[in-house]
């Protein structure tokens, strides 16, 4: 696949080209920044499946913090279900 350029809107949004979206096979991605390079990585770990538990997350929250909170909620809910 060739490198492609996309425009960043005034709101900071970009459209990920269809070819890339199809290759990623996910609707959740990580942005990883190293120096001046931005990498887009598909979320294929537990955080992707736990997104429903990470509601009401403040914008700008780091993915590790989201994952940690999501795990806490998921574990709490699972423990609650076992005790009933």
PDB file of N, CA and C in Angstrom:
ATOM      1  N   UNK A   1       0.836  -1.178   0.000  1.00  0.00           N
ATOM      2  CA  UNK A   1       0.000   0.000   0.000  1.00  0.00           C
ATOM      3  C   UNK A   1       0.883   1.244   0.000  1.00  0.00           C
ATOM      4  N   UNK A   2       0.498   2.192  -0.768  1.00  0.00           N
ATOM      5  CA  UNK A   2       1.247   3.434  -0.882  1.00  0.00           C
ATOM      6  C   UNK A   2       0.915   4.360   0.291  1.00  0.00           C
ATOM      7  N   UNK A   3       1.845   5.256   0.585  1.00  0.00           N
ATOM      8  CA  UNK A   3       1.612   6.287   1.586  1.00  0.00           C
ATOM      9  C   UNK A   3       0.575   7.251   1.039  1.00  0.00           C
ATOM     10  N   UNK A   4      -0.307   7.733   1.893  1.00  0.00           N
ATOM     11  CA  UNK A   4      -1.311   8.680   1.420  1.00  0.00           C
ATOM     12  C   UNK A   4      -1.357   9.883   2.355  1.00  0.00           C
ATOM     13  N   UNK A   5      -1.762  11.001   1.818  1.00  0.00           N
ATOM     14  CA  UNK A   5      -1.905  12.228   2.593  1.00  0.00           C
ATOM     15  C   UNK A   5      -3.387  12.531   2.744  1.00  0.00           C
ATOM     16  N   UNK A   6      -3.781  12.972   3.929  1.00  0.00           N
ATOM     17  CA  UNK A   6      -5.168  13.366   4.171  1.00  0.00           C
ATOM     18  C   UNK A   6      -5.178  14.723   4.840  1.00  0.00           C
ATOM     19  N   UNK A   7      -6.241  15.453   4.654  1.00  0.00           N
ATOM     20  CA  UNK A   7      -6.382  16.795   5.217  1.00  0.00           C
ATOM     21  C   UNK A   7      -6.903  16.701   6.650  1.00  0.00           C
ATOM     22  N   UNK A   8      -6.362  17.524   7.519  1.00  0.00           N
ATOM     23  CA  UNK A   8      -6.851  17.630   8.894  1.00  0.00           C
ATOM     24  C   UNK A   8      -7.850  18.779   8.912  1.00  0.00           C
ATOM     25  N   UNK A   9      -9.083  18.516   9.376  1.00  0.00           N
ATOM     26  CA  UNK A   9     -10.109  19.549   9.414  1.00  0.00           C
ATOM     27  C   UNK A   9      -9.832  20.547  10.530  1.00  0.00           C
ATOM     28  N   UNK A  10     -10.600  21.627  10.562  1.00  0.00           N
ATOM     29  CA  UNK A  10     -10.462  22.635  11.620  1.00  0.00           C
ATOM     30  C   UNK A  10     -10.713  22.041  12.993  1.00  0.00           C
ATOM     31  N   UNK A  11     -11.512  20.962  13.048  1.00  0.00           N
ATOM     32  CA  UNK A  11     -11.810  20.291  14.309  1.00  0.00           C
ATOM     33  C   UNK A  11     -10.774  19.222  14.662  1.00  0.00           C
ATOM     34  N   UNK A  12      -9.729  19.101  13.834  1.00  0.00           N
ATOM     35  CA  UNK A  12      -8.681  18.123  14.104  1.00  0.00           C
ATOM     36  C   UNK A  12      -9.027  16.721  13.654  1.00  0.00           C
ATOM     37  N   UNK A  13      -9.997  16.596  12.778  1.00  0.00           N
ATOM     38  CA  UNK A  13     -10.428  15.284  12.320  1.00  0.00           C
ATOM     39  C   UNK A  13      -9.774  14.919  10.993  1.00  0.00           C
ATOM     40  N   UNK A  14      -9.578  13.625  10.795  1.00  0.00           N
ATOM     41  CA  UNK A  14      -9.093  13.105   9.522  1.00  0.00           C
ATOM     42  C   UNK A  14      -9.963  11.916   9.134  1.00  0.00           C
ATOM     43  N   UNK A  15     -10.032  11.645   7.849  1.00  0.00           N
ATOM     44  CA  UNK A  15     -10.718  10.452   7.375  1.00  0.00           C
ATOM     45  C   UNK A  15      -9.662   9.414   7.051  1.00  0.00           C
ATOM     46  N   UNK A  16      -9.764   8.269   7.691  1.00  0.00           N
ATOM     47  CA  UNK A  16      -8.828   7.185   7.409  1.00  0.00           C
ATOM     48  C   UNK A  16      -9.296   6.514   6.122  1.00  0.00           C
ATOM     49  N   UNK A  17      -8.441   6.440   5.120  1.00  0.00           N
ATOM     50  CA  UNK A  17      -8.845   5.848   3.842  1.00  0.00           C
ATOM     51  C   UNK A  17      -9.395   4.421   4.009  1.00  0.00           C
ATOM     52  N   UNK A  18     -10.365   4.085   3.180  1.00  0.00           N
ATOM     53  CA  UNK A  18     -11.045   2.796   3.266  1.00  0.00           C
ATOM     54  C   UNK A  18     -10.059   1.631   3.254  1.00  0.00           C
ATOM     55  N   UNK A  19      -9.067   1.683   2.403  1.00  0.00           N
ATOM     56  CA  UNK A  19      -8.092   0.597   2.301  1.00  0.00           C
ATOM     57  C   UNK A  19      -7.406   0.344   3.646  1.00  0.00           C
ATOM     58  N   UNK A  20      -7.095   1.411   4.358  1.00  0.00           N
ATOM     59  CA  UNK A  20      -6.454   1.274   5.672  1.00  0.00           C
ATOM     60  C   UNK A  20      -7.461   0.749   6.692  1.00  0.00           C
ATOM     61  N   UNK A  21      -8.687   1.293   6.700  1.00  0.00           N
ATOM     62  CA  UNK A  21      -9.718   0.818   7.640  1.00  0.00           C
ATOM     63  C   UNK A  21      -9.976  -0.665   7.454  1.00  0.00           C
ATOM     64  N   UNK A  22     -10.041  -1.115   6.209  1.00  0.00           N
ATOM     65  CA  UNK A  22     -10.292  -2.535   5.938  1.00  0.00           C
ATOM     66  C   UNK A  22      -9.129  -3.396   6.415  1.00  0.00           C
ATOM     67  N   UNK A  23      -7.926  -2.885   6.277  1.00  0.00           N
ATOM     68  CA  UNK A  23      -6.752  -3.628   6.734  1.00  0.00           C
ATOM     69  C   UNK A  23      -6.718  -3.726   8.260  1.00  0.00           C
ATOM     70  N   UNK A  24      -7.108  -2.647   8.949  1.00  0.00           N
ATOM     71  CA  UNK A  24      -7.088  -2.641  10.408  1.00  0.00           C
ATOM     72  C   UNK A  24      -8.137  -3.575  11.006  1.00  0.00           C
ATOM     73  N   UNK A  25      -9.284  -3.716  10.354  1.00  0.00           N
ATOM     74  CA  UNK A  25     -10.382  -4.600  10.817  1.00  0.00           C
ATOM     75  C   UNK A  25     -10.805  -4.297  12.256  1.00  0.00           C
ATOM     76  N   UNK A  26     -10.936  -3.020  12.570  1.00  0.00           N
ATOM     77  CA  UNK A  26     -11.398  -2.607  13.892  1.00  0.00           C
ATOM     78  C   UNK A  26     -11.979  -1.211  13.786  1.00  0.00           C
ATOM     79  N   UNK A  27     -12.800  -0.849  14.753  1.00  0.00           N
ATOM     80  CA  UNK A  27     -13.334   0.509  14.779  1.00  0.00           C
ATOM     81  C   UNK A  27     -12.676   1.331  15.884  1.00  0.00           C
ATOM     82  N   UNK A  28     -11.680   0.739  16.548  1.00  0.00           N
ATOM     83  CA  UNK A  28     -10.964   1.423  17.617  1.00  0.00           C
ATOM     84  C   UNK A  28      -9.470   1.350  17.317  1.00  0.00           C
ATOM     85  N   UNK A  29      -8.803   2.493  17.450  1.00  0.00           N
ATOM     86  CA  UNK A  29      -7.375   2.545  17.148  1.00  0.00           C
ATOM     87  C   UNK A  29      -6.616   3.270  18.247  1.00  0.00           C
ATOM     88  N   UNK A  30      -5.325   3.005  18.306  1.00  0.00           N
ATOM     89  CA  UNK A  30      -4.395   3.747  19.148  1.00  0.00           C
ATOM     90  C   UNK A  30      -3.662   4.732  18.265  1.00  0.00           C
ATOM     91  N   UNK A  31      -3.341   5.892  18.807  1.00  0.00           N
ATOM     92  CA  UNK A  31      -2.382   6.789  18.182  1.00  0.00           C
ATOM     93  C   UNK A  31      -1.146   6.710  19.054  1.00  0.00           C
ATOM     94  N   UNK A  32      -0.027   6.398  18.467  1.00  0.00           N
ATOM     95  CA  UNK A  32       1.230   6.300  19.190  1.00  0.00           C
ATOM     96  C   UNK A  32       2.175   7.336  18.599  1.00  0.00           C
ATOM     97  N   UNK A  33       2.676   8.255  19.412  1.00  0.00           N
ATOM     98  CA  UNK A  33       3.544   9.322  18.930  1.00  0.00           C
ATOM     99  C   UNK A  33       4.958   9.092  19.447  1.00  0.00           C
ATOM    100  N   UNK A  34       5.904   9.019  18.518  1.00  0.00           N
ATOM    101  CA  UNK A  34       7.314   8.886  18.858  1.00  0.00           C
ATOM    102  C   UNK A  34       8.050   9.973  18.089  1.00  0.00           C
ATOM    103  N   UNK A  35       8.620  10.910  18.838  1.00  0.00           N
ATOM    104  CA  UNK A  35       9.266  12.080  18.235  1.00  0.00           C
ATOM    105  C   UNK A  35       8.259  12.786  17.329  1.00  0.00           C
ATOM    106  N   UNK A  36       8.516  12.868  16.040  1.00  0.00           N
ATOM    107  CA  UNK A  36       7.573  13.536  15.131  1.00  0.00           C
ATOM    108  C   UNK A  36       6.837  12.536  14.238  1.00  0.00           C
ATOM    109  N   UNK A  37       6.808  11.258  14.649  1.00  0.00           N
ATOM    110  CA  UNK A  37       6.130  10.218  13.879  1.00  0.00           C
ATOM    111  C   UNK A  37       4.886   9.757  14.628  1.00  0.00           C
ATOM    112  N   UNK A  38       3.765   9.730  13.915  1.00  0.00           N
ATOM    113  CA  UNK A  38       2.506   9.256  14.501  1.00  0.00           C
ATOM    114  C   UNK A  38       2.182   7.908  13.883  1.00  0.00           C
ATOM    115  N   UNK A  39       1.967   6.913  14.743  1.00  0.00           N
ATOM    116  CA  UNK A  39       1.601   5.584  14.265  1.00  0.00           C
ATOM    117  C   UNK A  39       0.160   5.302  14.660  1.00  0.00           C
ATOM    118  N   UNK A  40      -0.571   4.681  13.762  1.00  0.00           N
ATOM    119  CA  UNK A  40      -1.941   4.262  14.033  1.00  0.00           C
ATOM    120  C   UNK A  40      -1.911   2.755  14.181  1.00  0.00           C
ATOM    121  N   UNK A  41      -2.404   2.264  15.328  1.00  0.00           N
ATOM    122  CA  UNK A  41      -2.390   0.826  15.589  1.00  0.00           C
ATOM    123  C   UNK A  41      -3.807   0.348  15.881  1.00  0.00           C
ATOM    124  N   UNK A  42      -4.164  -0.770  15.330  1.00  0.00           N
ATOM    125  CA  UNK A  42      -5.474  -1.366  15.579  1.00  0.00           C
ATOM    126  C   UNK A  42      -5.555  -1.854  17.021  1.00  0.00           C
ATOM    127  N   UNK A  43      -6.691  -1.631  17.665  1.00  0.00           N
ATOM    128  CA  UNK A  43      -6.915  -2.146  19.009  1.00  0.00           C
ATOM    129  C   UNK A  43      -7.465  -3.551  18.861  1.00  0.00           C
ATOM    130  N   UNK A  44      -6.674  -4.519  19.273  1.00  0.00           N
ATOM    131  CA  UNK A  44      -7.100  -5.911  19.183  1.00  0.00           C
ATOM    132  C   UNK A  44      -6.942  -6.599  20.534  1.00  0.00           C
ATOM    133  N   UNK A  45      -6.721  -5.794  21.576  1.00  0.00           N
ATOM    134  CA  UNK A  45      -6.561  -6.368  22.899  1.00  0.00           C
ATOM    135  C   UNK A  45      -7.828  -6.160  23.723  1.00  0.00           C
ATOM    136  N   UNK A  46      -7.749  -6.370  24.987  1.00  0.00           N
ATOM    137  CA  UNK A  46      -8.915  -6.274  25.861  1.00  0.00           C
ATOM    138  C   UNK A  46      -9.537  -4.890  25.872  1.00  0.00           C
ATOM    139  N   UNK A  47      -8.751  -3.847  25.680  1.00  0.00           N
ATOM    140  CA  UNK A  47      -9.314  -2.496  25.718  1.00  0.00           C
ATOM    141  C   UNK A  47     -10.377  -2.316  24.652  1.00  0.00           C
ATOM    142  N   UNK A  48     -10.180  -2.914  23.504  1.00  0.00           N
ATOM    143  CA  UNK A  48     -11.165  -2.804  22.437  1.00  0.00           C
ATOM    144  C   UNK A  48     -12.486  -3.428  22.833  1.00  0.00           C
ATOM    145  N   UNK A  49     -12.430  -4.568  23.499  1.00  0.00           N
ATOM    146  CA  UNK A  49     -13.661  -5.231  23.897  1.00  0.00           C
ATOM    147  C   UNK A  49     -14.253  -4.617  25.160  1.00  0.00           C
ATOM    148  N   UNK A  50     -13.500  -3.780  25.853  1.00  0.00           N
ATOM    149  CA  UNK A  50     -13.973  -3.165  27.091  1.00  0.00           C
ATOM    150  C   UNK A  50     -14.443  -1.732  26.895  1.00  0.00           C
ATOM    151  N   UNK A  51     -14.523  -1.257  25.645  1.00  0.00           N
ATOM    152  CA  UNK A  51     -14.886   0.141  25.414  1.00  0.00           C
ATOM    153  C   UNK A  51     -16.229   0.498  26.034  1.00  0.00           C
ATOM    154  N   UNK A  52     -17.130  -0.479  26.137  1.00  0.00           N
ATOM    155  CA  UNK A  52     -18.438  -0.198  26.736  1.00  0.00           C
ATOM    156  C   UNK A  52     -18.322   0.171  28.213  1.00  0.00           C
ATOM    157  N   UNK A  53     -17.242  -0.246  28.870  1.00  0.00           N
ATOM    158  CA  UNK A  53     -17.050   0.052  30.278  1.00  0.00           C
ATOM    159  C   UNK A  53     -16.351   1.395  30.502  1.00  0.00           C
ATOM    160  N   UNK A  54     -15.853   2.003  29.450  1.00  0.00           N
ATOM    161  CA  UNK A  54     -15.086   3.238  29.573  1.00  0.00           C
ATOM    162  C   UNK A  54     -15.929   4.449  29.203  1.00  0.00           C
ATOM    163  N   UNK A  55     -17.176   4.445  29.588  1.00  0.00           N
ATOM    164  CA  UNK A  55     -18.064   5.566  29.279  1.00  0.00           C
ATOM    165  C   UNK A  55     -17.691   6.765  30.139  1.00  0.00           C
ATOM    166  N   UNK A  56     -18.072   7.947  29.676  1.00  0.00           N
ATOM    167  CA  UNK A  56     -17.829   9.199  30.390  1.00  0.00           C
ATOM    168  C   UNK A  56     -16.351   9.495  30.595  1.00  0.00           C
ATOM    169  N   UNK A  57     -15.533   9.114  29.631  1.00  0.00           N
ATOM    170  CA  UNK A  57     -14.103   9.389  29.703  1.00  0.00           C
ATOM    171  C   UNK A  57     -13.862  10.803  29.201  1.00  0.00           C
ATOM    172  N   UNK A  58     -13.057  11.552  29.928  1.00  0.00           N
ATOM    173  CA  UNK A  58     -12.746  12.927  29.536  1.00  0.00           C
ATOM    174  C   UNK A  58     -11.870  12.932  28.296  1.00  0.00           C
ATOM    175  N   UNK A  59     -12.090  13.870  27.377  1.00  0.00           N
ATOM    176  CA  UNK A  59     -11.211  13.984  26.211  1.00  0.00           C
ATOM    177  C   UNK A  59      -9.757  14.184  26.638  1.00  0.00           C
ATOM    178  N   UNK A  60      -8.850  13.551  25.944  1.00  0.00           N
ATOM    179  CA  UNK A  60      -7.434  13.670  26.257  1.00  0.00           C
ATOM    180  C   UNK A  60      -6.929  12.633  27.248  1.00  0.00           C
ATOM    181  N   UNK A  61      -7.822  11.766  27.736  1.00  0.00           N
ATOM    182  CA  UNK A  61      -7.410  10.724  28.672  1.00  0.00           C
ATOM    183  C   UNK A  61      -6.541   9.710  27.935  1.00  0.00           C
ATOM    184  N   UNK A  62      -5.443   9.314  28.539  1.00  0.00           N
ATOM    185  CA  UNK A  62      -4.544   8.349  27.918  1.00  0.00           C
ATOM    186  C   UNK A  62      -5.193   6.971  27.846  1.00  0.00           C
ATOM    187  N   UNK A  63      -4.870   6.224  26.790  1.00  0.00           N
ATOM    188  CA  UNK A  63      -5.469   4.903  26.588  1.00  0.00           C
ATOM    189  C   UNK A  63      -5.187   3.976  27.763  1.00  0.00           C
ATOM    190  N   UNK A  64      -4.000   4.054  28.357  1.00  0.00           N
ATOM    191  CA  UNK A  64      -3.705   3.196  29.508  1.00  0.00           C
ATOM    192  C   UNK A  64      -4.648   3.483  30.672  1.00  0.00           C
ATOM    193  N   UNK A  65      -4.984   4.751  30.884  1.00  0.00           N
ATOM    194  CA  UNK A  65      -5.922   5.112  31.944  1.00  0.00           C
ATOM    195  C   UNK A  65      -7.318   4.586  31.622  1.00  0.00           C
ATOM    196  N   UNK A  66      -7.716   4.680  30.352  1.00  0.00           N
ATOM    197  CA  UNK A  66      -9.019   4.170  29.937  1.00  0.00           C
ATOM    198  C   UNK A  66      -9.076   2.663  30.163  1.00  0.00           C
ATOM    199  N   UNK A  67      -8.012   1.960  29.761  1.00  0.00           N
ATOM    200  CA  UNK A  67      -7.979   0.506  29.940  1.00  0.00           C
ATOM    201  C   UNK A  67      -8.069   0.133  31.414  1.00  0.00           C
ATOM    202  N   UNK A  68      -7.325   0.854  32.250  1.00  0.00           N
ATOM    203  CA  UNK A  68      -7.326   0.556  33.679  1.00  0.00           C
ATOM    204  C   UNK A  68      -8.720   0.738  34.278  1.00  0.00           C
ATOM    205  N   UNK A  69      -9.361   1.867  33.965  1.00  0.00           N
ATOM    206  CA  UNK A  69     -10.716   2.114  34.478  1.00  0.00           C
ATOM    207  C   UNK A  69     -11.699   1.078  33.951  1.00  0.00           C
ATOM    208  N   UNK A  70     -11.577   0.750  32.663  1.00  0.00           N
ATOM    209  CA  UNK A  70     -12.477  -0.233  32.062  1.00  0.00           C
ATOM    210  C   UNK A  70     -12.332  -1.587  32.751  1.00  0.00           C
ATOM    211  N   UNK A  71     -11.096  -1.995  33.003  1.00  0.00           N
ATOM    212  CA  UNK A  71     -10.883  -3.267  33.694  1.00  0.00           C
ATOM    213  C   UNK A  71     -11.495  -3.243  35.093  1.00  0.00           C
ATOM    214  N   UNK A  72     -11.325  -2.143  35.817  1.00  0.00           N
ATOM    215  CA  UNK A  72     -11.892  -2.038  37.162  1.00  0.00           C
ATOM    216  C   UNK A  72     -13.409  -2.225  37.131  1.00  0.00           C
ATOM    217  N   UNK A  73     -14.070  -1.547  36.216  1.00  0.00           N
ATOM    218  CA  UNK A  73     -15.529  -1.651  36.107  1.00  0.00           C
ATOM    219  C   UNK A  73     -15.932  -3.061  35.707  1.00  0.00           C
ATOM    220  N   UNK A  74     -15.244  -3.633  34.720  1.00  0.00           N
ATOM    221  CA  UNK A  74     -15.588  -4.980  34.249  1.00  0.00           C
ATOM    222  C   UNK A  74     -15.421  -6.012  35.360  1.00  0.00           C
ATOM    223  N   UNK A  75     -14.321  -5.932  36.101  1.00  0.00           N
ATOM    224  CA  UNK A  75     -14.073  -6.873  37.193  1.00  0.00           C
ATOM    225  C   UNK A  75     -15.125  -6.706  38.285  1.00  0.00           C
ATOM    226  N   UNK A  76     -15.436  -5.448  38.617  1.00  0.00           N
ATOM    227  CA  UNK A  76     -16.457  -5.173  39.628  1.00  0.00           C
ATOM    228  C   UNK A  76     -17.801  -5.763  39.225  1.00  0.00           C
ATOM    229  N   UNK A  77     -18.197  -5.565  37.964  1.00  0.00           N
ATOM    230  CA  UNK A  77     -19.475  -6.089  37.486  1.00  0.00           C
ATOM    231  C   UNK A  77     -19.488  -7.609  37.490  1.00  0.00           C
ATOM    232  N   UNK A  78     -18.388  -8.229  37.093  1.00  0.00           N
ATOM    233  CA  UNK A  78     -18.315  -9.681  37.073  1.00  0.00           C
ATOM    234  C   UNK A  78     -18.405 -10.229  38.500  1.00  0.00           C
ATOM    235  N   UNK A  79     -17.714  -9.580  39.455  1.00  0.00           N
ATOM    236  CA  UNK A  79     -17.760 -10.013  40.857  1.00  0.00           C
ATOM    237  C   UNK A  79     -19.171  -9.865  41.411  1.00  0.00           C
ATOM    238  N   UNK A  80     -19.853  -8.777  41.029  1.00  0.00           N
ATOM    239  CA  UNK A  80     -21.222  -8.540  41.489  1.00  0.00           C
ATOM    240  C   UNK A  80     -22.154  -9.637  40.970  1.00  0.00           C
ATOM    241  N   UNK A  81     -21.983 -10.041  39.721  1.00  0.00           N
ATOM    242  CA  UNK A  81     -22.823 -11.086  39.125  1.00  0.00           C
ATOM    243  C   UNK A  81     -22.594 -12.438  39.810  1.00  0.00           C
ATOM    244  N   UNK A  82     -21.329 -12.720  40.184  1.00  0.00           N
ATOM    245  CA  UNK A  82     -21.018 -13.990  40.847  1.00  0.00           C
ATOM    246  C   UNK A  82     -21.625 -14.055  42.236  1.00  0.00           C
ATOM    247  N   UNK A  83     -21.708 -12.910  42.916  1.00  0.00           N
ATOM    248  CA  UNK A  83     -22.195 -12.906  44.295  1.00  0.00           C
ATOM    249  C   UNK A  83     -23.727 -12.945  44.385  1.00  0.00           C
ATOM    250  N   UNK A  84     -24.396 -12.761  43.262  1.00  0.00           N
ATOM    251  CA  UNK A  84     -25.869 -12.799  43.310  1.00  0.00           C
ATOM    252  C   UNK A  84     -26.408 -14.111  42.833  1.00  0.00           C
TER     253      UNK A  84
END
